[in-house]
Amino acid sequence: MMNPDTLLALSAVEQRALIGLGELSPVELLDASIARIEALNPGVNAICATDFARARAAARAAEAAGARGEPLPLLHGLPLGVKDLLDTAGLLTTCGNTAMRGYVPREDHALVARLRAAGAIVVCKTNTPDLGAGANTRNAVWGATGNPFDPACSAGGSSGGSAVALATGMVSLATGSDTGGSLRIPAAWSGVVGMRPSPGLVADPARTLGWSPLPVLGPMGRCVADTALMLSAMVGLDRRDPLSVEVSPSAFWPLPECDPSTLRVGFCEDFGGLPLDPAIRRVLRARVAALAPQVARVEPVELDLADADLAFDVARAEAFAAAFDGVEPDQLGPNLRANLELAGGCTLADRARAQRAQTRIARSFAAALERLDLIVAPVLPVSPPPWTQLYVERVDGRRLDTYYRWLACCYGVTLAAHPALALPAGRDEAGMPFALQLVGRRHGDATLLAQAAALERMLAADPATARPRPDLAPLARPRPELKALVTHPPVPEGLPGSPVFAPPV
């Protein structure tokens, strides 16, 4: 039997390989995962509802299937965390909203069902902001999720619980979703990989606005290979999603090879003048300079993000208006109410201007990527602030006008509908995780993953730029302050039923 700490330090790819060889039992892996959750979650509050009994039954069944010599699916025996926006049959799904604190779905979301069919074992739900709105994972049902490198700091959002659960080894893989950066932001601040796929690659038949390319579901892993492995199990046509495309899982796993010396890289430092903290700008330049001698060329690239704020404001407001039409405002948090108030003031002319701007942005990215293989850009303009700060109000002295304007480096890419991922690249000047945002060609997701894996190997060669790992020992101390936001009455067990409303992502 392997030492649990050694076992949980392995990548999901390595864990799955050992399971396939019969050298690791899914029961052993799950027991280590549960023990890690019980030991560390009080210190970071990444995990919401747990499903340990059913997970143990699934692990025993997975072990028996291996012993019988049956063909094993792609994610066989790997512990999975599911973001608390996706329905999980028989397991509490609150979306971080007090009106849903007792909701227990009868059926899995289509993606959860797909991942179970691929052999993943659902262990728990991971924390998210109220209905996924915002980039700070905190809500009145479960409290706040602390950053694994400093629990007093924000873990980002909205897939913050998933990112922290991965960084601390609580689960092998985790789901996330992304509209304005919700996969990339918490991955960047937790030292893991979060990928926003091309719209339609991962089907989501539960989306309220089926034709919108903004909200996507995507994978998170501790490294690029884990992320590619998970994505290969997530893809597949679902005709209930109008944007869903048919693609072979074999396009993503085994991960294609990429020769980094052939890469033509575009460097977009601030998307034409978005504010960046000077310390973040220095680290970003240093990382790009470290990569430059090892690729074919690095050149500055200018992207037309004119009216990106307008385009995202309108598209986001439209999504929230569709999802929460008729919902009483007192059931929603301040972020959600702000979106709905914005939606109430939008006109058809605003919508037309937003569509024109988004089209122009998409064409700008496509034109740049005709002569380049990928674009490197910042994920975030600041180091993680305290989690008690609901959102970032100023960047480099500039006051921002909404709770999400500081996320423009991410939502500008969202508007282009190109795949993007956060790649860990050492630490920033404050000692917190730093990441590069890599942007590839639309529907070139497999190629982007291969390119990211090549850059990941280059960064790993230097301890200063390699993926940072949190010190787990301090996280074993419970932090009741993370639960300070929780309202009463406490979360009930709940009964199967229908949700009060569905989140827009």
Protein backbone atom coordinates (compact mmCIF):
# COMPACT_ATOMS: atom_id res chain seq x y z
CA MET A 1 0.00 0.00 0.00
CA MET A 2 1.35 3.41 -1.01
CA ASN A 3 1.80 6.23 1.50
CA PRO A 4 -1.36 8.41 1.20
CA ASP A 5 0.61 11.64 0.84
CA THR A 6 2.70 10.13 -1.94
CA LEU A 7 -0.43 8.78 -3.60
CA LEU A 8 -2.25 12.11 -3.56
CA ALA A 9 0.81 13.92 -4.91
CA LEU A 10 0.53 11.90 -8.12
CA SER A 11 -1.23 13.36 -11.11
CA ALA A 12 -4.61 11.92 -12.11
CA VAL A 13 -2.91 10.42 -15.17
CA GLU A 14 -0.41 8.62 -12.94
CA GLN A 15 -3.14 7.46 -10.55
CA ARG A 16 -5.22 6.11 -13.42
CA ALA A 17 -2.21 4.29 -14.89
CA LEU A 18 -1.54 2.53 -11.57
CA ILE A 19 -5.22 1.55 -11.32
CA GLY A 20 -5.03 0.09 -14.83
CA LEU A 21 -1.95 -1.92 -13.89
CA GLY A 22 -3.66 -3.28 -10.79
CA GLU A 23 -1.06 -1.58 -8.58
CA LEU A 24 -3.53 0.86 -7.01
CA SER A 25 -6.99 0.11 -5.71
CA PRO A 26 -9.76 2.70 -6.31
CA VAL A 27 -10.76 2.04 -2.67
CA GLU A 28 -7.27 2.96 -1.46
CA LEU A 29 -7.28 6.12 -3.56
CA LEU A 30 -10.75 7.14 -2.36
CA ASP A 31 -9.87 6.52 1.28
CA ALA A 32 -6.84 8.79 0.90
CA SER A 33 -9.00 11.44 -0.77
CA ILE A 34 -11.63 11.36 1.98
CA ALA A 35 -8.98 11.48 4.71
CA ARG A 36 -7.44 14.55 3.03
CA ILE A 37 -10.84 16.25 2.82
CA GLU A 38 -11.52 15.60 6.50
CA ALA A 39 -8.06 16.84 7.49
CA LEU A 40 -7.80 20.00 5.36
CA ASN A 41 -11.25 21.20 4.41
CA PRO A 42 -11.86 22.93 7.77
CA GLY A 43 -8.84 25.08 6.93
CA VAL A 44 -9.90 26.13 3.40
CA ASN A 45 -13.65 25.39 3.12
CA ALA A 46 -13.49 24.22 -0.50
CA ILE A 47 -15.91 21.29 -0.13
CA CYS A 48 -19.68 21.61 0.32
CA ALA A 49 -21.86 18.51 0.46
CA THR A 50 -20.10 15.12 0.54
CA ASP A 51 -21.20 11.72 -0.74
CA PHE A 52 -18.73 9.43 0.98
CA ALA A 53 -21.00 6.39 1.44
CA ARG A 54 -22.01 6.15 -2.19
CA ALA A 55 -18.48 7.00 -3.31
CA ARG A 56 -17.13 4.08 -1.28
CA ALA A 57 -19.69 1.75 -2.86
CA ALA A 58 -18.64 2.99 -6.31
CA ALA A 59 -14.95 2.49 -5.45
CA ARG A 60 -15.59 -1.08 -4.33
CA ALA A 61 -17.43 -1.76 -7.58
CA ALA A 62 -14.55 -0.23 -9.54
CA GLU A 63 -12.06 -2.40 -7.67
CA ALA A 64 -14.11 -5.51 -8.40
CA ALA A 65 -14.32 -4.64 -12.11
CA GLY A 66 -10.54 -4.38 -12.27
CA ALA A 67 -10.13 -7.68 -10.47
CA ARG A 68 -12.39 -9.36 -13.05
CA GLY A 69 -10.25 -8.03 -15.87
CA GLU A 70 -13.05 -5.96 -17.39
CA PRO A 71 -12.24 -3.11 -19.79
CA LEU A 72 -11.84 -0.01 -17.65
CA PRO A 73 -13.21 3.38 -18.74
CA LEU A 74 -11.03 6.45 -19.11
CA LEU A 75 -11.44 7.92 -15.60
CA HIS A 76 -11.90 4.61 -13.80
CA GLY A 77 -11.64 5.02 -10.03
CA LEU A 78 -10.61 8.70 -9.98
CA PRO A 79 -12.19 10.84 -7.21
CA LEU A 80 -14.12 13.76 -8.69
CA GLY A 81 -15.31 17.06 -7.23
CA VAL A 82 -18.38 18.62 -8.88
CA LYS A 83 -18.92 22.37 -8.78
CA ASP A 84 -22.05 23.15 -6.79
CA LEU A 85 -23.84 24.59 -9.83
CA LEU A 86 -24.39 21.17 -11.45
CA ASP A 87 -27.16 18.83 -10.36
CA THR A 88 -26.01 15.61 -8.71
CA ALA A 89 -28.67 12.94 -8.18
CA GLY A 90 -29.35 12.39 -4.48
CA LEU A 91 -26.68 14.89 -3.43
CA LEU A 92 -27.40 18.40 -2.15
CA THR A 93 -27.02 21.04 -4.86
CA THR A 94 -27.42 24.56 -3.47
CA CYS A 95 -25.61 26.77 -6.02
CA GLY A 96 -24.53 28.69 -2.92
CA ASN A 97 -27.98 30.29 -2.71
CA THR A 98 -30.06 30.32 0.46
CA ALA A 99 -33.30 29.66 -1.42
CA MET A 100 -31.83 26.36 -2.66
CA ARG A 101 -30.19 25.20 0.56
CA GLY A 102 -32.42 22.10 0.70
CA TYR A 103 -32.51 21.14 -2.99
CA VAL A 104 -31.58 17.52 -3.73
CA PRO A 105 -31.87 16.72 -7.47
CA ARG A 106 -33.46 13.54 -8.74
CA GLU A 107 -31.11 13.31 -11.74
CA ASP A 108 -27.53 14.13 -12.61
CA HIS A 109 -26.69 17.01 -14.90
CA ALA A 110 -25.74 15.58 -18.30
CA LEU A 111 -22.03 16.29 -17.72
CA VAL A 112 -22.04 14.59 -14.32
CA ALA A 113 -23.71 11.55 -15.87
CA ARG A 114 -21.09 11.51 -18.64
CA LEU A 115 -18.22 11.64 -16.13
CA ARG A 116 -19.72 8.88 -14.01
CA ALA A 117 -20.03 6.75 -17.15
CA ALA A 118 -16.33 7.41 -17.78
CA GLY A 119 -15.54 5.87 -14.38
CA ALA A 120 -15.08 8.96 -12.22
CA ILE A 121 -16.33 8.68 -8.63
CA VAL A 122 -18.27 11.70 -7.36
CA VAL A 123 -16.98 12.39 -3.86
CA CYS A 124 -18.26 15.88 -3.13
CA LYS A 125 -19.57 19.22 -4.32
CA THR A 126 -17.19 22.19 -4.48
CA ASN A 127 -17.94 25.70 -3.29
CA THR A 128 -18.96 28.58 -5.57
CA PRO A 129 -20.25 32.15 -5.17
CA ASP A 130 -24.01 32.66 -4.92
CA LEU A 131 -25.32 31.21 -8.21
CA GLY A 132 -21.82 31.49 -9.65
CA ALA A 133 -21.89 35.31 -9.84
CA GLY A 134 -18.50 36.80 -9.04
CA ALA A 135 -14.85 35.88 -8.80
CA ASN A 136 -14.67 35.47 -5.02
CA THR A 137 -15.93 32.09 -3.78
CA ARG A 138 -18.14 33.01 -0.83
CA ASN A 139 -21.85 32.63 -0.10
CA ALA A 140 -24.33 32.57 2.76
CA VAL A 141 -24.91 28.80 2.62
CA TRP A 142 -21.37 27.45 2.97
CA GLY A 143 -19.18 30.47 3.69
CA ALA A 144 -15.93 31.47 1.98
CA THR A 145 -13.22 29.37 0.39
CA GLY A 146 -9.71 30.37 1.40
CA ASN A 147 -6.72 30.34 -0.91
CA PRO A 148 -4.56 27.23 -0.32
CA PHE A 149 -1.43 29.38 -0.27
CA ASP A 150 -2.92 31.77 2.31
CA PRO A 151 -6.46 31.06 3.56
CA ALA A 152 -6.90 34.73 4.44
CA CYS A 153 -6.81 35.48 0.70
CA SER A 154 -9.39 34.88 -2.00
CA ALA A 155 -9.33 31.68 -4.02
CA GLY A 156 -10.99 33.44 -6.93
CA GLY A 157 -14.15 32.18 -8.55
CA SER A 158 -16.50 31.08 -9.48
CA SER A 159 -14.91 27.60 -9.59
CA GLY A 160 -12.91 28.40 -6.46
CA GLY A 161 -13.84 25.29 -4.49
CA SER A 162 -12.79 23.05 -7.37
CA ALA A 163 -9.43 24.79 -7.76
CA VAL A 164 -8.61 24.60 -4.05
CA ALA A 165 -9.74 20.97 -3.79
CA LEU A 166 -7.31 20.10 -6.60
CA ALA A 167 -4.42 22.16 -5.26
CA THR A 168 -4.67 20.44 -1.87
CA GLY A 169 -5.06 16.91 -3.28
CA MET A 170 -8.60 16.42 -1.98
CA VAL A 171 -9.77 15.19 -5.40
CA SER A 172 -8.03 14.03 -8.56
CA LEU A 173 -10.20 15.99 -10.98
CA ALA A 174 -12.89 18.66 -10.70
CA THR A 175 -15.49 20.33 -12.87
CA GLY A 176 -15.79 24.04 -13.47
CA SER A 177 -17.70 26.53 -15.56
CA ASP A 178 -16.66 29.80 -17.16
CA THR A 179 -18.45 32.88 -18.45
CA GLY A 180 -16.06 35.70 -17.63
CA GLY A 181 -13.11 33.67 -16.35
CA SER A 182 -14.56 31.32 -13.73
CA LEU A 183 -12.33 28.40 -14.74
CA ARG A 184 -9.19 30.42 -15.40
CA ILE A 185 -9.28 32.82 -12.43
CA PRO A 186 -9.34 30.35 -9.50
CA ALA A 187 -6.94 28.03 -11.33
CA ALA A 188 -4.47 30.90 -11.67
CA TRP A 189 -4.69 31.78 -7.98
CA SER A 190 -4.48 28.16 -6.75
CA GLY A 191 -1.64 26.91 -8.94
CA VAL A 192 -3.66 24.47 -11.07
CA VAL A 193 -4.86 24.32 -14.68
CA GLY A 194 -8.33 25.49 -15.67
CA MET A 195 -9.45 25.37 -19.30
CA ARG A 196 -12.25 27.26 -21.00
CA PRO A 197 -13.05 25.11 -24.07
CA SER A 198 -14.46 26.37 -27.36
CA PRO A 199 -18.24 26.85 -27.00
CA GLY A 200 -20.12 23.67 -27.85
CA LEU A 201 -17.22 21.31 -27.20
CA VAL A 202 -18.61 20.30 -23.80
CA ALA A 203 -22.37 20.06 -24.11
CA ASP A 204 -24.62 21.73 -21.56
CA PRO A 205 -28.29 21.04 -22.29
CA ALA A 206 -29.28 22.92 -19.12
CA ARG A 207 -28.20 26.34 -20.40
CA THR A 208 -31.05 28.84 -20.42
CA LEU A 209 -29.78 30.65 -23.55
CA GLY A 210 -28.77 27.77 -25.77
CA TRP A 211 -27.29 29.92 -28.54
CA SER A 212 -25.04 32.02 -26.31
CA PRO A 213 -21.30 31.23 -26.61
CA LEU A 214 -20.48 32.87 -23.27
CA PRO A 215 -21.14 30.15 -20.64
CA VAL A 216 -19.16 26.93 -20.99
CA LEU A 217 -18.39 23.91 -18.83
CA GLY A 218 -14.79 22.77 -18.64
CA PRO A 219 -12.12 20.68 -16.92
CA MET A 220 -9.70 21.45 -14.12
CA GLY A 221 -6.60 19.48 -13.18
CA ARG A 222 -3.29 19.86 -11.43
CA CYS A 223 -1.43 19.72 -14.74
CA VAL A 224 -2.15 20.00 -18.45
CA ALA A 225 -2.18 16.21 -18.98
CA ASP A 226 -4.84 15.74 -16.27
CA THR A 227 -6.91 18.49 -17.87
CA ALA A 228 -6.65 16.87 -21.30
CA LEU A 229 -7.56 13.46 -19.88
CA MET A 230 -10.67 14.91 -18.27
CA LEU A 231 -11.68 16.90 -21.34
CA SER A 232 -11.54 13.76 -23.46
CA ALA A 233 -14.20 12.27 -21.17
CA MET A 234 -16.35 15.43 -21.27
CA VAL A 235 -16.73 15.93 -25.02
CA GLY A 236 -19.51 14.47 -27.11
CA LEU A 237 -22.58 15.51 -29.04
CA ASP A 238 -25.78 16.30 -27.13
CA ARG A 239 -28.51 17.52 -29.48
CA ARG A 240 -30.31 19.26 -26.61
CA ASP A 241 -27.52 21.86 -26.66
CA PRO A 242 -27.81 23.92 -29.88
CA LEU A 243 -24.06 24.65 -29.96
CA SER A 244 -22.94 21.08 -29.25
CA VAL A 245 -20.50 19.60 -31.77
CA GLU A 246 -19.49 16.04 -32.48
CA VAL A 247 -15.83 15.38 -31.75
CA SER A 248 -13.82 12.28 -30.98
CA PRO A 249 -12.39 11.91 -27.46
CA SER A 250 -9.22 10.55 -29.08
CA ALA A 251 -8.45 14.07 -30.30
CA PHE A 252 -7.57 15.01 -26.72
CA TRP A 253 -6.19 11.81 -25.24
CA PRO A 254 -3.50 10.65 -25.65
CA LEU A 255 -2.37 14.26 -25.75
CA PRO A 256 -0.75 15.18 -29.10
CA GLU A 257 2.94 16.11 -29.12
CA CYS A 258 4.12 19.66 -29.76
CA ASP A 259 7.63 20.87 -30.58
CA PRO A 260 7.91 24.19 -28.71
CA SER A 261 10.78 25.35 -30.93
CA THR A 262 8.28 25.76 -33.78
CA LEU A 263 5.80 27.93 -31.89
CA ARG A 264 5.00 31.45 -33.04
CA VAL A 265 3.76 33.19 -29.90
CA GLY A 266 1.91 36.47 -29.68
CA PHE A 267 2.38 38.43 -26.45
CA CYS A 268 -0.59 40.56 -25.43
CA GLU A 269 0.49 42.39 -22.29
CA ASP A 270 -2.65 44.29 -21.33
CA PHE A 271 -5.17 44.05 -24.19
CA GLY A 272 -4.57 47.60 -25.31
CA GLY A 273 -4.40 49.38 -21.99
CA LEU A 274 -6.29 47.40 -19.35
CA PRO A 275 -4.91 48.26 -15.91
CA LEU A 276 -2.33 45.84 -14.46
CA ASP A 277 -0.68 46.05 -11.08
CA PRO A 278 2.99 46.96 -11.82
CA ALA A 279 4.20 43.89 -9.91
CA ILE A 280 2.02 41.60 -12.05
CA ARG A 281 3.29 43.32 -15.20
CA ARG A 282 6.90 42.67 -14.14
CA VAL A 283 6.28 38.97 -13.47
CA LEU A 284 4.37 38.58 -16.74
CA ARG A 285 7.23 40.10 -18.73
CA ALA A 286 9.76 37.92 -16.92
CA ARG A 287 7.83 34.73 -17.73
CA VAL A 288 7.50 35.61 -21.38
CA ALA A 289 11.21 36.49 -21.53
CA ALA A 290 12.04 33.08 -20.05
CA LEU A 291 10.02 31.32 -22.75
CA ALA A 292 11.19 33.44 -25.67
CA PRO A 293 14.58 31.73 -26.34
CA GLN A 294 12.88 28.32 -26.47
CA VAL A 295 10.19 29.06 -29.08
CA ALA A 296 10.43 30.09 -32.73
CA ARG A 297 9.50 33.69 -31.97
CA VAL A 298 7.60 35.95 -29.60
CA GLU A 299 6.06 39.10 -30.99
CA PRO A 300 3.70 41.71 -29.58
CA VAL A 301 0.12 41.36 -30.75
CA GLU A 302 -2.59 43.99 -30.71
CA LEU A 303 -6.19 42.88 -30.35
CA ASP A 304 -9.24 45.02 -30.99
CA LEU A 305 -11.14 45.00 -27.70
CA ALA A 306 -12.99 48.23 -28.34
CA ASP A 307 -16.38 48.15 -26.61
CA ALA A 308 -15.56 44.81 -24.93
CA ASP A 309 -16.99 46.16 -21.67
CA LEU A 310 -20.26 47.05 -23.37
CA ALA A 311 -20.44 43.70 -25.16
CA PHE A 312 -19.85 41.71 -22.00
CA ASP A 313 -22.13 43.85 -19.86
CA VAL A 314 -25.05 43.37 -22.23
CA ALA A 315 -24.49 39.67 -22.91
CA ARG A 316 -24.03 38.91 -19.22
CA ALA A 317 -27.09 40.94 -18.25
CA GLU A 318 -29.12 39.11 -20.89
CA ALA A 319 -28.10 35.73 -19.44
CA PHE A 320 -29.05 36.73 -15.91
CA ALA A 321 -32.34 38.25 -17.05
CA ALA A 322 -33.24 34.97 -18.77
CA ALA A 323 -32.25 32.86 -15.78
CA PHE A 324 -33.91 34.92 -13.04
CA ASP A 325 -36.95 36.42 -14.70
CA GLY A 326 -39.66 36.71 -12.04
CA VAL A 327 -37.40 35.84 -9.10
CA GLU A 328 -37.83 38.05 -6.04
CA PRO A 329 -34.77 40.30 -5.57
CA ASP A 330 -34.44 39.34 -1.88
CA GLN A 331 -33.60 35.79 -2.99
CA LEU A 332 -30.50 37.08 -4.80
CA GLY A 333 -27.19 38.45 -3.61
CA PRO A 334 -25.82 41.93 -4.45
CA ASN A 335 -23.84 40.74 -7.49
CA LEU A 336 -26.92 39.14 -9.02
CA ARG A 337 -29.11 42.15 -8.32
CA ALA A 338 -26.54 44.40 -10.02
CA ASN A 339 -26.73 42.28 -13.18
CA LEU A 340 -30.51 42.35 -13.22
CA GLU A 341 -30.60 46.12 -12.72
CA LEU A 342 -28.25 46.48 -15.68
CA ALA A 343 -30.46 44.20 -17.76
CA GLY A 344 -33.49 46.34 -16.98
CA GLY A 345 -31.83 49.33 -18.61
CA CYS A 346 -30.61 47.63 -21.80
CA THR A 347 -32.22 48.50 -25.13
CA LEU A 348 -32.35 46.75 -28.48
CA ALA A 349 -29.81 49.28 -29.73
CA ASP A 350 -27.48 48.29 -26.87
CA ARG A 351 -27.85 44.66 -27.89
CA ALA A 352 -27.03 45.49 -31.51
CA ARG A 353 -23.92 47.45 -30.51
CA ALA A 354 -22.84 44.61 -28.23
CA GLN A 355 -23.24 42.05 -31.02
CA ARG A 356 -21.23 44.19 -33.42
CA ALA A 357 -18.47 44.61 -30.85
CA GLN A 358 -18.31 40.90 -30.09
CA THR A 359 -18.12 40.07 -33.79
CA ARG A 360 -15.26 42.53 -34.25
CA ILE A 361 -13.41 41.08 -31.24
CA ALA A 362 -13.77 37.52 -32.51
CA ARG A 363 -12.43 38.52 -35.93
CA SER A 364 -9.50 40.33 -34.31
CA PHE A 365 -8.43 37.17 -32.46
CA ALA A 366 -8.96 35.00 -35.54
CA ALA A 367 -6.83 37.31 -37.69
CA ALA A 368 -3.99 37.31 -35.16
CA LEU A 369 -4.06 33.53 -34.89
CA GLU A 370 -3.73 33.11 -38.65
CA ARG A 371 -0.06 34.12 -38.36
CA LEU A 372 0.48 32.96 -34.75
CA ASP A 373 0.09 29.58 -33.07
CA LEU A 374 -1.09 30.91 -29.73
CA ILE A 375 -1.40 34.09 -27.68
CA VAL A 376 0.06 34.58 -24.20
CA ALA A 377 -1.67 37.12 -21.97
CA PRO A 378 -2.33 37.81 -18.29
CA VAL A 379 -5.12 36.02 -16.48
CA LEU A 380 -5.57 38.62 -13.74
CA PRO A 381 -4.27 42.12 -13.06
CA VAL A 382 -3.63 41.66 -9.33
CA SER A 383 -2.42 39.22 -6.70
CA PRO A 384 -5.16 37.58 -4.59
CA PRO A 385 -6.78 40.09 -2.19
CA PRO A 386 -8.34 39.13 1.16
CA TRP A 387 -11.46 36.98 0.77
CA THR A 388 -13.29 39.49 2.96
CA GLN A 389 -13.02 41.96 0.07
CA LEU A 390 -16.00 41.08 -2.11
CA TYR A 391 -14.29 42.22 -5.31
CA VAL A 392 -11.35 44.31 -6.54
CA GLU A 393 -12.30 48.01 -6.73
CA ARG A 394 -9.01 49.50 -7.94
CA VAL A 395 -6.17 48.30 -10.17
CA ASP A 396 -2.97 50.36 -10.48
CA GLY A 397 -4.78 53.35 -9.03
CA ARG A 398 -7.69 53.15 -11.46
CA ARG A 399 -11.16 52.88 -9.89
CA LEU A 400 -13.34 50.26 -11.60
CA ASP A 401 -17.02 50.75 -12.30
CA THR A 402 -18.48 47.27 -11.68
CA TYR A 403 -17.77 44.28 -9.43
CA TYR A 404 -16.39 42.32 -12.40
CA ARG A 405 -14.49 44.96 -14.42
CA TRP A 406 -11.19 43.73 -12.98
CA LEU A 407 -11.77 40.47 -14.88
CA ALA A 408 -11.54 42.09 -18.32
CA CYS A 409 -8.40 40.14 -19.26
CA CYS A 410 -10.55 37.02 -19.09
CA TYR A 411 -13.90 38.19 -20.42
CA GLY A 412 -12.27 39.82 -23.44
CA VAL A 413 -11.14 36.33 -24.44
CA THR A 414 -14.59 34.93 -23.62
CA LEU A 415 -16.13 37.31 -26.15
CA ALA A 416 -13.82 35.98 -28.86
CA ALA A 417 -15.16 32.43 -28.27
CA HIS A 418 -11.63 30.99 -28.47
CA PRO A 419 -10.31 28.28 -26.13
CA ALA A 420 -8.11 29.51 -23.29
CA LEU A 421 -6.44 28.09 -20.22
CA ALA A 422 -4.60 29.23 -17.15
CA LEU A 423 -1.12 27.69 -16.99
CA PRO A 424 0.70 27.84 -13.61
CA ALA A 425 4.00 29.72 -13.91
CA GLY A 426 5.59 30.05 -10.48
CA ARG A 427 4.73 32.74 -7.95
CA ASP A 428 4.23 36.48 -8.09
CA GLU A 429 6.16 39.04 -6.06
CA ALA A 430 3.76 38.54 -3.14
CA GLY A 431 4.58 34.82 -3.06
CA MET A 432 1.17 33.80 -4.41
CA PRO A 433 0.55 31.61 -7.49
CA PHE A 434 0.97 33.22 -10.89
CA ALA A 435 -0.33 31.95 -14.21
CA LEU A 436 -0.21 32.72 -17.92
CA GLN A 437 -3.37 32.81 -20.00
CA LEU A 438 -2.88 30.86 -23.23
CA VAL A 439 -5.35 31.47 -26.05
CA GLY A 440 -5.64 29.21 -29.10
CA ARG A 441 -7.59 29.01 -32.32
CA ARG A 442 -11.30 28.41 -32.11
CA HIS A 443 -11.99 24.66 -32.08
CA GLY A 444 -8.23 24.13 -31.83
CA ASP A 445 -8.58 22.92 -28.24
CA ALA A 446 -6.45 19.79 -28.64
CA THR A 447 -3.67 21.80 -30.25
CA LEU A 448 -3.82 24.38 -27.46
CA LEU A 449 -3.51 21.64 -24.84
CA ALA A 450 -0.50 20.17 -26.63
CA GLN A 451 1.12 23.62 -26.80
CA ALA A 452 0.36 24.21 -23.12
CA ALA A 453 1.94 20.88 -22.18
CA ALA A 454 5.10 21.87 -24.06
CA LEU A 455 5.30 25.23 -22.28
CA GLU A 456 4.53 23.53 -18.97
CA ARG A 457 7.60 21.29 -19.41
CA MET A 458 9.75 24.32 -20.13
CA LEU A 459 8.49 26.17 -17.06
CA ALA A 460 8.93 23.09 -14.87
CA ALA A 461 12.67 23.02 -15.61
CA ASP A 462 13.17 26.08 -13.36
CA PRO A 463 11.86 25.98 -9.75
CA ALA A 464 11.10 29.70 -10.02
CA THR A 465 8.64 29.16 -12.87
CA ALA A 466 7.36 25.65 -12.13
CA ARG A 467 3.87 25.01 -10.79
CA PRO A 468 3.82 26.09 -7.13
CA ARG A 469 2.64 23.66 -4.45
CA PRO A 470 0.93 24.83 -1.25
CA ASP A 471 2.31 23.95 2.16
CA LEU A 472 -0.40 21.65 3.50
CA ALA A 473 0.64 21.65 7.15
CA PRO A 474 -0.78 25.11 8.00
CA LEU A 475 -4.06 24.17 6.31
CA ALA A 476 -4.76 21.52 8.94
CA ARG A 477 -5.78 24.28 11.36
CA PRO A 478 -9.55 24.92 11.22
CA ARG A 479 -10.53 28.47 10.30
CA PRO A 480 -14.02 29.19 11.61
CA GLU A 481 -13.85 32.69 10.14
CA LEU A 482 -14.43 31.17 6.69
CA LYS A 483 -17.89 30.20 7.91
CA ALA A 484 -18.66 33.71 9.14
CA LEU A 485 -20.95 34.42 6.18
CA VAL A 486 -23.18 31.39 6.78
CA THR A 487 -26.79 32.26 7.57
CA HIS A 488 -29.22 30.30 9.72
CA PRO A 489 -31.09 28.00 9.78
CA PRO A 490 -28.33 25.49 8.92
CA VAL A 491 -28.39 23.53 5.68
CA PRO A 492 -31.07 20.79 5.94
CA GLU A 493 -30.81 17.34 4.48
CA GLY A 494 -33.50 18.27 1.97
CA LEU A 495 -35.88 16.22 -0.12
CA PRO A 496 -35.86 15.48 -3.85
CA GLY A 497 -37.65 18.15 -5.79
CA SER A 498 -37.35 20.94 -8.31
CA PRO A 499 -34.88 23.81 -8.05
CA VAL A 500 -36.13 27.29 -7.27
CA PHE A 501 -34.22 28.54 -10.34
CA ALA A 502 -31.23 27.49 -12.42
CA PRO A 503 -27.94 29.41 -12.61
CA PRO A 504 -27.04 30.92 -15.99
CA VAL A 505 -23.78 28.92 -16.12
